[in-house]
Amino acid sequence: MQKTKKSVAKRFKLTAKGKLVRRTPGFRHLLGAKSTKSKRRASRDKLVAEGHAKPLKRCLPTGL
């Protein structure tokens, strides 16, 4: 059994249907320089592309 990669576990979470969700980058600082539209879009979570999600799921405990 493979150990959980803690860096992956902190950055991604699995949905009920088994898809990976990530945070949008660039939403922690310098928000005054960003448009309202970009801040609104960055506040939502995004799905990880299926090609990138497969190896990441193996690093999670429930992705076995």
C-alpha atoms as a PDB file:
ATOM      1  CA  MET A   1       0.000   0.000   0.000  1.00  0.00           C
ATOM      2  CA  GLN A   2       1.321   3.407  -0.993  1.00  0.00           C
ATOM      3  CA  LYS A   3       1.517   6.228   1.518  1.00  0.00           C
ATOM      4  CA  THR A   4      -0.521   9.379   0.986  1.00  0.00           C
ATOM      5  CA  LYS A   5       1.420  12.227  -0.629  1.00  0.00           C
ATOM      6  CA  LYS A   6       0.626  14.998   1.831  1.00  0.00           C
ATOM      7  CA  SER A   7       1.405  17.792  -0.635  1.00  0.00           C
ATOM      8  CA  VAL A   8      -1.245  16.398  -3.012  1.00  0.00           C
ATOM      9  CA  ALA A   9      -3.740  15.794  -0.204  1.00  0.00           C
ATOM     10  CA  LYS A  10      -3.483  19.442   0.860  1.00  0.00           C
ATOM     11  CA  ARG A  11      -3.955  20.880  -2.638  1.00  0.00           C
ATOM     12  CA  PHE A  12      -6.639  18.627  -4.104  1.00  0.00           C
ATOM     13  CA  LYS A  13      -9.844  16.969  -2.963  1.00  0.00           C
ATOM     14  CA  LEU A  14     -12.084  14.349  -4.506  1.00  0.00           C
ATOM     15  CA  THR A  15     -15.701  15.034  -5.384  1.00  0.00           C
ATOM     16  CA  ALA A  16     -18.457  12.511  -4.748  1.00  0.00           C
ATOM     17  CA  LYS A  17     -18.146  11.247  -8.323  1.00  0.00           C
ATOM     18  CA  GLY A  18     -14.370  10.826  -8.040  1.00  0.00           C
ATOM     19  CA  LYS A  19     -13.201  13.949  -9.853  1.00  0.00           C
ATOM     20  CA  LEU A  20     -10.350  16.089  -8.533  1.00  0.00           C
ATOM     21  CA  VAL A  21     -10.936  19.702  -7.546  1.00  0.00           C
ATOM     22  CA  ARG A  22      -8.219  22.349  -7.200  1.00  0.00           C
ATOM     23  CA  ARG A  23      -8.040  25.997  -6.171  1.00  0.00           C
ATOM     24  CA  THR A  24      -7.434  28.659  -8.783  1.00  0.00           C
ATOM     25  CA  PRO A  25      -3.930  30.185  -8.503  1.00  0.00           C
ATOM     26  CA  GLY A  26      -3.315  33.889  -7.935  1.00  0.00           C
ATOM     27  CA  PHE A  27      -6.054  34.598  -5.401  1.00  0.00           C
ATOM     28  CA  ARG A  28      -4.002  35.306  -2.271  1.00  0.00           C
ATOM     29  CA  HIS A  29      -2.382  38.682  -2.829  1.00  0.00           C
ATOM     30  CA  LEU A  30      -2.323  41.748  -5.098  1.00  0.00           C
ATOM     31  CA  LEU A  31      -6.097  41.573  -5.421  1.00  0.00           C
ATOM     32  CA  GLY A  32      -6.446  45.331  -5.827  1.00  0.00           C
ATOM     33  CA  ALA A  33      -4.737  45.158  -9.214  1.00  0.00           C
ATOM     34  CA  LYS A  34      -7.011  42.407 -10.504  1.00  0.00           C
ATOM     35  CA  SER A  35     -10.348  43.016 -12.143  1.00  0.00           C
ATOM     36  CA  THR A  36     -13.589  42.049 -10.450  1.00  0.00           C
ATOM     37  CA  LYS A  37     -14.219  39.530 -13.196  1.00  0.00           C
ATOM     38  CA  SER A  38     -10.907  37.747 -12.687  1.00  0.00           C
ATOM     39  CA  LYS A  39     -11.352  37.731  -8.892  1.00  0.00           C
ATOM     40  CA  ARG A  40     -14.835  36.284  -9.242  1.00  0.00           C
ATOM     41  CA  ARG A  41     -13.560  33.521 -11.518  1.00  0.00           C
ATOM     42  CA  ALA A  42     -10.575  32.811  -9.272  1.00  0.00           C
ATOM     43  CA  SER A  43     -12.782  32.433  -6.200  1.00  0.00           C
ATOM     44  CA  ARG A  44     -14.343  29.264  -7.622  1.00  0.00           C
ATOM     45  CA  ASP A  45     -12.757  25.835  -7.525  1.00  0.00           C
ATOM     46  CA  LYS A  46     -11.780  24.205 -10.793  1.00  0.00           C
ATOM     47  CA  LEU A  47     -11.744  20.605 -11.934  1.00  0.00           C
ATOM     48  CA  VAL A  48      -8.394  19.040 -12.741  1.00  0.00           C
ATOM     49  CA  ALA A  49      -8.046  17.840 -16.323  1.00  0.00           C
ATOM     50  CA  GLU A  50      -8.539  14.078 -16.619  1.00  0.00           C
ATOM     51  CA  GLY A  51      -5.029  13.513 -17.989  1.00  0.00           C
ATOM     52  CA  HIS A  52      -3.463  15.245 -15.003  1.00  0.00           C
ATOM     53  CA  ALA A  53      -5.880  13.751 -12.478  1.00  0.00           C
ATOM     54  CA  LYS A  54      -4.985  10.103 -12.972  1.00  0.00           C
ATOM     55  CA  PRO A  55      -1.495  10.166 -11.403  1.00  0.00           C
ATOM     56  CA  LEU A  56      -2.658  12.568  -8.686  1.00  0.00           C
ATOM     57  CA  LYS A  57      -5.469  10.225  -7.638  1.00  0.00           C
ATOM     58  CA  ARG A  58      -2.906   7.502  -7.009  1.00  0.00           C
ATOM     59  CA  CYS A  59      -1.237   9.763  -4.453  1.00  0.00           C
ATOM     60  CA  LEU A  60      -4.449  10.091  -2.423  1.00  0.00           C
ATOM     61  CA  PRO A  61      -5.582   7.431   0.066  1.00  0.00           C
ATOM     62  CA  THR A  62      -9.015   7.058  -1.541  1.00  0.00           C
ATOM     63  CA  GLY A  63      -7.565   6.938  -5.051  1.00  0.00           C
ATOM     64  CA  LEU A  64      -6.361   3.357  -4.789  1.00  0.00           C
END
